[in-house]
Amino acid sequence: MAVGKRLAAAKGAWICFQDEAGQVLRPPVAKTWARRWHTPVVEVSGKGSGRVSIAGLVCLKPGQRGRLVAHEGAPQP
């Protein structure tokens, strides 16, 4: 057993891991092929402005079930 895990078990403490990520809301550029002289039309949904931040926290306590906490931030223009 790791030193930190033993110490957490002895003190009844939680071990937490946090991560954050961002996602752009713009759709990917759409490309396609078409026959010669026939311009392809590709529909792309969504206006595509802004960015969303997502944060997650995983908490572990020896002898108990792990917990996941996630938070999605509001889109930013």
PDB file of N, CA and C in Angstrom:
ATOM      1  N   MET A   1       0.849  -1.172   0.000  1.00  0.00           N
ATOM      2  CA  MET A   1       0.000   0.000   0.000  1.00  0.00           C
ATOM      3  C   MET A   1       0.898   1.239   0.000  1.00  0.00           C
ATOM      4  N   ALA A   2       0.547   2.248  -0.789  1.00  0.00           N
ATOM      5  CA  ALA A   2       1.345   3.472  -0.894  1.00  0.00           C
ATOM      6  C   ALA A   2       1.312   4.250   0.414  1.00  0.00           C
ATOM      7  N   VAL A   3       2.368   5.036   0.625  1.00  0.00           N
ATOM      8  CA  VAL A   3       2.472   5.810   1.871  1.00  0.00           C
ATOM      9  C   VAL A   3       1.293   6.764   2.015  1.00  0.00           C
ATOM     10  N   GLY A   4       0.948   7.487   0.954  1.00  0.00           N
ATOM     11  CA  GLY A   4      -0.175   8.427   1.015  1.00  0.00           C
ATOM     12  C   GLY A   4      -1.497   7.735   1.294  1.00  0.00           C
ATOM     13  N   LYS A   5      -1.665   6.551   0.744  1.00  0.00           N
ATOM     14  CA  LYS A   5      -2.905   5.800   0.951  1.00  0.00           C
ATOM     15  C   LYS A   5      -3.007   5.318   2.391  1.00  0.00           C
ATOM     16  N   ARG A   6      -1.881   4.864   2.957  1.00  0.00           N
ATOM     17  CA  ARG A   6      -1.887   4.432   4.361  1.00  0.00           C
ATOM     18  C   ARG A   6      -2.184   5.592   5.289  1.00  0.00           C
ATOM     19  N   LEU A   7      -1.577   6.753   5.007  1.00  0.00           N
ATOM     20  CA  LEU A   7      -1.807   7.934   5.837  1.00  0.00           C
ATOM     21  C   LEU A   7      -3.264   8.373   5.749  1.00  0.00           C
ATOM     22  N   ALA A   8      -3.828   8.367   4.532  1.00  0.00           N
ATOM     23  CA  ALA A   8      -5.233   8.743   4.351  1.00  0.00           C
ATOM     24  C   ALA A   8      -6.146   7.777   5.089  1.00  0.00           C
ATOM     25  N   ALA A   9      -5.831   6.482   5.053  1.00  0.00           N
ATOM     26  CA  ALA A   9      -6.649   5.493   5.751  1.00  0.00           C
ATOM     27  C   ALA A   9      -6.569   5.699   7.259  1.00  0.00           C
ATOM     28  N   ALA A  10      -5.372   5.993   7.758  1.00  0.00           N
ATOM     29  CA  ALA A  10      -5.203   6.195   9.201  1.00  0.00           C
ATOM     30  C   ALA A  10      -5.945   7.433   9.692  1.00  0.00           C
ATOM     31  N   LYS A  11      -5.994   8.469   8.866  1.00  0.00           N
ATOM     32  CA  LYS A  11      -6.650   9.720   9.272  1.00  0.00           C
ATOM     33  C   LYS A  11      -8.104   9.797   8.828  1.00  0.00           C
ATOM     34  N   GLY A  12      -8.556   8.821   8.029  1.00  0.00           N
ATOM     35  CA  GLY A  12      -9.939   8.853   7.522  1.00  0.00           C
ATOM     36  C   GLY A  12     -10.126   9.959   6.495  1.00  0.00           C
ATOM     37  N   ALA A  13      -9.071  10.274   5.733  1.00  0.00           N
ATOM     38  CA  ALA A  13      -9.104  11.380   4.776  1.00  0.00           C
ATOM     39  C   ALA A  13      -9.450  10.905   3.363  1.00  0.00           C
ATOM     40  N   TRP A  14      -9.841  11.848   2.515  1.00  0.00           N
ATOM     41  CA  TRP A  14     -10.120  11.596   1.109  1.00  0.00           C
ATOM     42  C   TRP A  14      -8.879  11.913   0.291  1.00  0.00           C
ATOM     43  N   ILE A  15      -8.651  11.157  -0.770  1.00  0.00           N
ATOM     44  CA  ILE A  15      -7.612  11.451  -1.755  1.00  0.00           C
ATOM     45  C   ILE A  15      -8.353  11.924  -2.999  1.00  0.00           C
ATOM     46  N   CYS A  16      -8.016  13.138  -3.490  1.00  0.00           N
ATOM     47  CA  CYS A  16      -8.751  13.728  -4.608  1.00  0.00           C
ATOM     48  C   CYS A  16      -7.820  14.031  -5.779  1.00  0.00           C
ATOM     49  N   PHE A  17      -8.339  13.799  -7.001  1.00  0.00           N
ATOM     50  CA  PHE A  17      -7.632  14.097  -8.233  1.00  0.00           C
ATOM     51  C   PHE A  17      -8.529  15.000  -9.062  1.00  0.00           C
ATOM     52  N   GLN A  18      -7.986  16.121  -9.559  1.00  0.00           N
ATOM     53  CA  GLN A  18      -8.773  17.101 -10.296  1.00  0.00           C
ATOM     54  C   GLN A  18      -8.184  17.291 -11.683  1.00  0.00           C
ATOM     55  N   ASP A  19      -9.073  17.511 -12.686  1.00  0.00           N
ATOM     56  CA  ASP A  19      -8.635  17.798 -14.044  1.00  0.00           C
ATOM     57  C   ASP A  19      -9.633  18.744 -14.689  1.00  0.00           C
ATOM     58  N   GLU A  20      -9.155  19.547 -15.631  1.00  0.00           N
ATOM     59  CA  GLU A  20     -10.012  20.506 -16.319  1.00  0.00           C
ATOM     60  C   GLU A  20      -9.696  20.465 -17.803  1.00  0.00           C
ATOM     61  N   ALA A  21     -10.731  20.630 -18.626  1.00  0.00           N
ATOM     62  CA  ALA A  21     -10.548  20.617 -20.072  1.00  0.00           C
ATOM     63  C   ALA A  21     -11.480  21.640 -20.706  1.00  0.00           C
ATOM     64  N   GLY A  22     -11.148  22.075 -21.897  1.00  0.00           N
ATOM     65  CA  GLY A  22     -11.987  23.018 -22.630  1.00  0.00           C
ATOM     66  C   GLY A  22     -12.379  22.426 -23.974  1.00  0.00           C
ATOM     67  N   GLN A  23     -13.539  22.799 -24.472  1.00  0.00           N
ATOM     68  CA  GLN A  23     -14.033  22.288 -25.747  1.00  0.00           C
ATOM     69  C   GLN A  23     -14.561  23.457 -26.566  1.00  0.00           C
ATOM     70  N   VAL A  24     -14.127  23.548 -27.808  1.00  0.00           N
ATOM     71  CA  VAL A  24     -14.632  24.576 -28.719  1.00  0.00           C
ATOM     72  C   VAL A  24     -15.946  24.075 -29.298  1.00  0.00           C
ATOM     73  N   LEU A  25     -16.934  24.956 -29.399  1.00  0.00           N
ATOM     74  CA  LEU A  25     -18.254  24.562 -29.881  1.00  0.00           C
ATOM     75  C   LEU A  25     -18.392  24.636 -31.401  1.00  0.00           C
ATOM     76  N   ARG A  26     -17.352  25.106 -32.096  1.00  0.00           N
ATOM     77  CA  ARG A  26     -17.411  25.182 -33.551  1.00  0.00           C
ATOM     78  C   ARG A  26     -17.361  23.790 -34.163  1.00  0.00           C
ATOM     79  N   PRO A  27     -18.192  23.519 -35.162  1.00  0.00           N
ATOM     80  CA  PRO A  27     -18.134  22.211 -35.812  1.00  0.00           C
ATOM     81  C   PRO A  27     -16.866  22.103 -36.651  1.00  0.00           C
ATOM     82  N   PRO A  28     -16.406  20.894 -36.908  1.00  0.00           N
ATOM     83  CA  PRO A  28     -15.224  20.732 -37.752  1.00  0.00           C
ATOM     84  C   PRO A  28     -15.526  21.151 -39.190  1.00  0.00           C
ATOM     85  N   VAL A  29     -14.500  21.506 -39.920  1.00  0.00           N
ATOM     86  CA  VAL A  29     -14.675  21.888 -41.320  1.00  0.00           C
ATOM     87  C   VAL A  29     -15.106  20.648 -42.100  1.00  0.00           C
ATOM     88  N   ALA A  30     -16.161  20.804 -42.867  1.00  0.00           N
ATOM     89  CA  ALA A  30     -16.692  19.674 -43.621  1.00  0.00           C
ATOM     90  C   ALA A  30     -16.162  19.711 -45.050  1.00  0.00           C
ATOM     91  N   LYS A  31     -15.662  18.575 -45.525  1.00  0.00           N
ATOM     92  CA  LYS A  31     -15.163  18.458 -46.893  1.00  0.00           C
ATOM     93  C   LYS A  31     -15.770  17.207 -47.520  1.00  0.00           C
ATOM     94  N   THR A  32     -15.951  17.266 -48.816  1.00  0.00           N
ATOM     95  CA  THR A  32     -16.483  16.105 -49.518  1.00  0.00           C
ATOM     96  C   THR A  32     -16.026  16.136 -50.972  1.00  0.00           C
ATOM     97  N   TRP A  33     -16.307  15.071 -51.678  1.00  0.00           N
ATOM     98  CA  TRP A  33     -15.991  14.969 -53.089  1.00  0.00           C
ATOM     99  C   TRP A  33     -17.282  15.083 -53.889  1.00  0.00           C
ATOM    100  N   ALA A  34     -17.150  15.545 -55.137  1.00  0.00           N
ATOM    101  CA  ALA A  34     -18.301  15.608 -56.035  1.00  0.00           C
ATOM    102  C   ALA A  34     -17.815  15.395 -57.465  1.00  0.00           C
ATOM    103  N   ARG A  35     -18.749  15.116 -58.341  1.00  0.00           N
ATOM    104  CA  ARG A  35     -18.395  14.974 -59.752  1.00  0.00           C
ATOM    105  C   ARG A  35     -17.929  16.317 -60.294  1.00  0.00           C
ATOM    106  N   ARG A  36     -17.163  16.248 -61.356  1.00  0.00           N
ATOM    107  CA  ARG A  36     -16.646  17.464 -61.966  1.00  0.00           C
ATOM    108  C   ARG A  36     -17.787  18.376 -62.405  1.00  0.00           C
ATOM    109  N   TRP A  37     -17.662  19.664 -62.131  1.00  0.00           N
ATOM    110  CA  TRP A  37     -18.619  20.731 -62.432  1.00  0.00           C
ATOM    111  C   TRP A  37     -19.860  20.695 -61.552  1.00  0.00           C
ATOM    112  N   HIS A  38     -19.897  19.838 -60.547  1.00  0.00           N
ATOM    113  CA  HIS A  38     -21.014  19.814 -59.602  1.00  0.00           C
ATOM    114  C   HIS A  38     -20.458  20.151 -58.214  1.00  0.00           C
ATOM    115  N   THR A  39     -20.634  21.380 -57.803  1.00  0.00           N
ATOM    116  CA  THR A  39     -20.104  21.824 -56.506  1.00  0.00           C
ATOM    117  C   THR A  39     -20.883  21.146 -55.379  1.00  0.00           C
ATOM    118  N   PRO A  40     -20.186  20.478 -54.477  1.00  0.00           N
ATOM    119  CA  PRO A  40     -20.897  19.829 -53.369  1.00  0.00           C
ATOM    120  C   PRO A  40     -21.396  20.855 -52.354  1.00  0.00           C
ATOM    121  N   VAL A  41     -22.534  20.561 -51.763  1.00  0.00           N
ATOM    122  CA  VAL A  41     -23.092  21.409 -50.706  1.00  0.00           C
ATOM    123  C   VAL A  41     -23.100  20.577 -49.434  1.00  0.00           C
ATOM    124  N   VAL A  42     -22.398  21.065 -48.416  1.00  0.00           N
ATOM    125  CA  VAL A  42     -22.303  20.345 -47.157  1.00  0.00           C
ATOM    126  C   VAL A  42     -22.928  21.198 -46.067  1.00  0.00           C
ATOM    127  N   GLU A  43     -23.947  20.677 -45.430  1.00  0.00           N
ATOM    128  CA  GLU A  43     -24.618  21.390 -44.344  1.00  0.00           C
ATOM    129  C   GLU A  43     -23.839  21.181 -43.049  1.00  0.00           C
ATOM    130  N   VAL A  44     -23.594  22.261 -42.328  1.00  0.00           N
ATOM    131  CA  VAL A  44     -22.941  22.190 -41.027  1.00  0.00           C
ATOM    132  C   VAL A  44     -23.882  22.818 -40.019  1.00  0.00           C
ATOM    133  N   SER A  45     -24.258  22.044 -39.000  1.00  0.00           N
ATOM    134  CA  SER A  45     -25.230  22.544 -38.030  1.00  0.00           C
ATOM    135  C   SER A  45     -24.541  23.384 -36.951  1.00  0.00           C
ATOM    136  N   GLY A  46     -25.290  24.303 -36.380  1.00  0.00           N
ATOM    137  CA  GLY A  46     -24.780  25.100 -35.257  1.00  0.00           C
ATOM    138  C   GLY A  46     -24.067  26.350 -35.710  1.00  0.00           C
ATOM    139  N   LYS A  47     -24.211  27.395 -34.940  1.00  0.00           N
ATOM    140  CA  LYS A  47     -23.549  28.653 -35.245  1.00  0.00           C
ATOM    141  C   LYS A  47     -22.048  28.531 -34.989  1.00  0.00           C
ATOM    142  N   GLY A  48     -21.680  27.863 -33.899  1.00  0.00           N
ATOM    143  CA  GLY A  48     -20.286  27.548 -33.668  1.00  0.00           C
ATOM    144  C   GLY A  48     -19.454  28.607 -33.002  1.00  0.00           C
ATOM    145  N   SER A  49     -19.999  29.387 -32.115  1.00  0.00           N
ATOM    146  CA  SER A  49     -19.174  30.353 -31.403  1.00  0.00           C
ATOM    147  C   SER A  49     -19.105  29.959 -29.933  1.00  0.00           C
ATOM    148  N   GLY A  50     -18.025  30.286 -29.301  1.00  0.00           N
ATOM    149  CA  GLY A  50     -17.916  30.037 -27.870  1.00  0.00           C
ATOM    150  C   GLY A  50     -17.068  28.842 -27.511  1.00  0.00           C
ATOM    151  N   ARG A  51     -16.909  28.658 -26.236  1.00  0.00           N
ATOM    152  CA  ARG A  51     -16.078  27.590 -25.688  1.00  0.00           C
ATOM    153  C   ARG A  51     -16.695  27.144 -24.367  1.00  0.00           C
ATOM    154  N   VAL A  52     -16.593  25.866 -24.063  1.00  0.00           N
ATOM    155  CA  VAL A  52     -17.132  25.313 -22.824  1.00  0.00           C
ATOM    156  C   VAL A  52     -15.976  24.745 -22.000  1.00  0.00           C
ATOM    157  N   SER A  53     -15.959  25.040 -20.710  1.00  0.00           N
ATOM    158  CA  SER A  53     -14.961  24.474 -19.808  1.00  0.00           C
ATOM    159  C   SER A  53     -15.607  23.368 -18.985  1.00  0.00           C
ATOM    160  N   ILE A  54     -14.897  22.272 -18.829  1.00  0.00           N
ATOM    161  CA  ILE A  54     -15.406  21.133 -18.073  1.00  0.00           C
ATOM    162  C   ILE A  54     -14.373  20.772 -17.008  1.00  0.00           C
ATOM    163  N   ALA A  55     -14.820  20.645 -15.771  1.00  0.00           N
ATOM    164  CA  ALA A  55     -13.919  20.270 -14.684  1.00  0.00           C
ATOM    165  C   ALA A  55     -14.443  19.003 -14.023  1.00  0.00           C
ATOM    166  N   GLY A  56     -13.526  18.142 -13.620  1.00  0.00           N
ATOM    167  CA  GLY A  56     -13.908  16.901 -12.958  1.00  0.00           C
ATOM    168  C   GLY A  56     -13.048  16.655 -11.732  1.00  0.00           C
ATOM    169  N   LEU A  57     -13.624  16.049 -10.731  1.00  0.00           N
ATOM    170  CA  LEU A  57     -12.929  15.745  -9.487  1.00  0.00           C
ATOM    171  C   LEU A  57     -13.275  14.317  -9.083  1.00  0.00           C
ATOM    172  N   VAL A  58     -12.255  13.481  -8.905  1.00  0.00           N
ATOM    173  CA  VAL A  58     -12.443  12.106  -8.454  1.00  0.00           C
ATOM    174  C   VAL A  58     -11.933  12.028  -7.021  1.00  0.00           C
ATOM    175  N   CYS A  59     -12.780  11.578  -6.107  1.00  0.00           N
ATOM    176  CA  CYS A  59     -12.405  11.479  -4.694  1.00  0.00           C
ATOM    177  C   CYS A  59     -12.455  10.016  -4.257  1.00  0.00           C
ATOM    178  N   LEU A  60     -11.389   9.586  -3.595  1.00  0.00           N
ATOM    179  CA  LEU A  60     -11.278   8.211  -3.126  1.00  0.00           C
ATOM    180  C   LEU A  60     -10.990   8.213  -1.632  1.00  0.00           C
ATOM    181  N   LYS A  61     -11.626   7.288  -0.925  1.00  0.00           N
ATOM    182  CA  LYS A  61     -11.391   7.104   0.501  1.00  0.00           C
ATOM    183  C   LYS A  61     -11.236   5.608   0.717  1.00  0.00           C
ATOM    184  N   PRO A  62     -10.108   5.190   1.287  1.00  0.00           N
ATOM    185  CA  PRO A  62      -9.893   3.755   1.490  1.00  0.00           C
ATOM    186  C   PRO A  62     -11.064   3.097   2.229  1.00  0.00           C
ATOM    187  N   GLY A  63     -11.562   2.007   1.636  1.00  0.00           N
ATOM    188  CA  GLY A  63     -12.675   1.283   2.241  1.00  0.00           C
ATOM    189  C   GLY A  63     -14.045   1.778   1.820  1.00  0.00           C
ATOM    190  N   GLN A  64     -14.115   2.846   1.018  1.00  0.00           N
ATOM    191  CA  GLN A  64     -15.410   3.371   0.569  1.00  0.00           C
ATOM    192  C   GLN A  64     -15.426   3.450  -0.950  1.00  0.00           C
ATOM    193  N   ARG A  65     -16.623   3.651  -1.490  1.00  0.00           N
ATOM    194  CA  ARG A  65     -16.791   3.812  -2.928  1.00  0.00           C
ATOM    195  C   ARG A  65     -16.239   5.156  -3.372  1.00  0.00           C
ATOM    196  N   GLY A  66     -15.601   5.190  -4.551  1.00  0.00           N
ATOM    197  CA  GLY A  66     -15.106   6.449  -5.090  1.00  0.00           C
ATOM    198  C   GLY A  66     -16.249   7.357  -5.523  1.00  0.00           C
ATOM    199  N   ARG A  67     -15.972   8.651  -5.600  1.00  0.00           N
ATOM    200  CA  ARG A  67     -16.989   9.623  -6.010  1.00  0.00           C
ATOM    201  C   ARG A  67     -16.455  10.469  -7.148  1.00  0.00           C
ATOM    202  N   LEU A  68     -17.329  10.799  -8.087  1.00  0.00           N
ATOM    203  CA  LEU A  68     -16.979  11.635  -9.224  1.00  0.00           C
ATOM    204  C   LEU A  68     -17.836  12.889  -9.182  1.00  0.00           C
ATOM    205  N   VAL A  69     -17.192  14.036  -9.237  1.00  0.00           N
ATOM    206  CA  VAL A  69     -17.897  15.307  -9.270  1.00  0.00           C
ATOM    207  C   VAL A  69     -17.506  15.993 -10.576  1.00  0.00           C
ATOM    208  N   ALA A  70     -18.477  16.367 -11.396  1.00  0.00           N
ATOM    209  CA  ALA A  70     -18.205  17.031 -12.677  1.00  0.00           C
ATOM    210  C   ALA A  70     -18.967  18.333 -12.741  1.00  0.00           C
ATOM    211  N   HIS A  71     -18.344  19.329 -13.373  1.00  0.00           N
ATOM    212  CA  HIS A  71     -18.991  20.637 -13.532  1.00  0.00           C
ATOM    213  C   HIS A  71     -18.714  21.147 -14.924  1.00  0.00           C
ATOM    214  N   GLU A  72     -19.783  21.560 -15.618  1.00  0.00           N
ATOM    215  CA  GLU A  72     -19.645  22.126 -16.957  1.00  0.00           C
ATOM    216  C   GLU A  72     -19.923  23.611 -16.858  1.00  0.00           C
ATOM    217  N   GLY A  73     -18.973  24.413 -17.273  1.00  0.00           N
ATOM    218  CA  GLY A  73     -19.133  25.862 -17.240  1.00  0.00           C
ATOM    219  C   GLY A  73     -20.003  26.348 -18.378  1.00  0.00           C
ATOM    220  N   ALA A  74     -20.466  27.584 -18.276  1.00  0.00           N
ATOM    221  CA  ALA A  74     -21.294  28.185 -19.307  1.00  0.00           C
ATOM    222  C   ALA A  74     -20.456  28.505 -20.532  1.00  0.00           C
ATOM    223  N   PRO A  75     -21.057  28.463 -21.729  1.00  0.00           N
ATOM    224  CA  PRO A  75     -20.316  28.825 -22.933  1.00  0.00           C
ATOM    225  C   PRO A  75     -19.813  30.261 -22.849  1.00  0.00           C
ATOM    226  N   GLN A  76     -18.601  30.482 -23.318  1.00  0.00           N
ATOM    227  CA  GLN A  76     -18.012  31.826 -23.324  1.00  0.00           C
ATOM    228  C   GLN A  76     -17.951  32.324 -24.761  1.00  0.00           C
ATOM    229  N   PRO A  77     -18.384  33.551 -25.007  1.00  0.00           N
ATOM    230  CA  PRO A  77     -18.377  34.074 -26.390  1.00  0.00           C
ATOM    231  C   PRO A  77     -16.985  34.274 -26.926  1.00  0.00           C
TER     232      PRO A  77
END
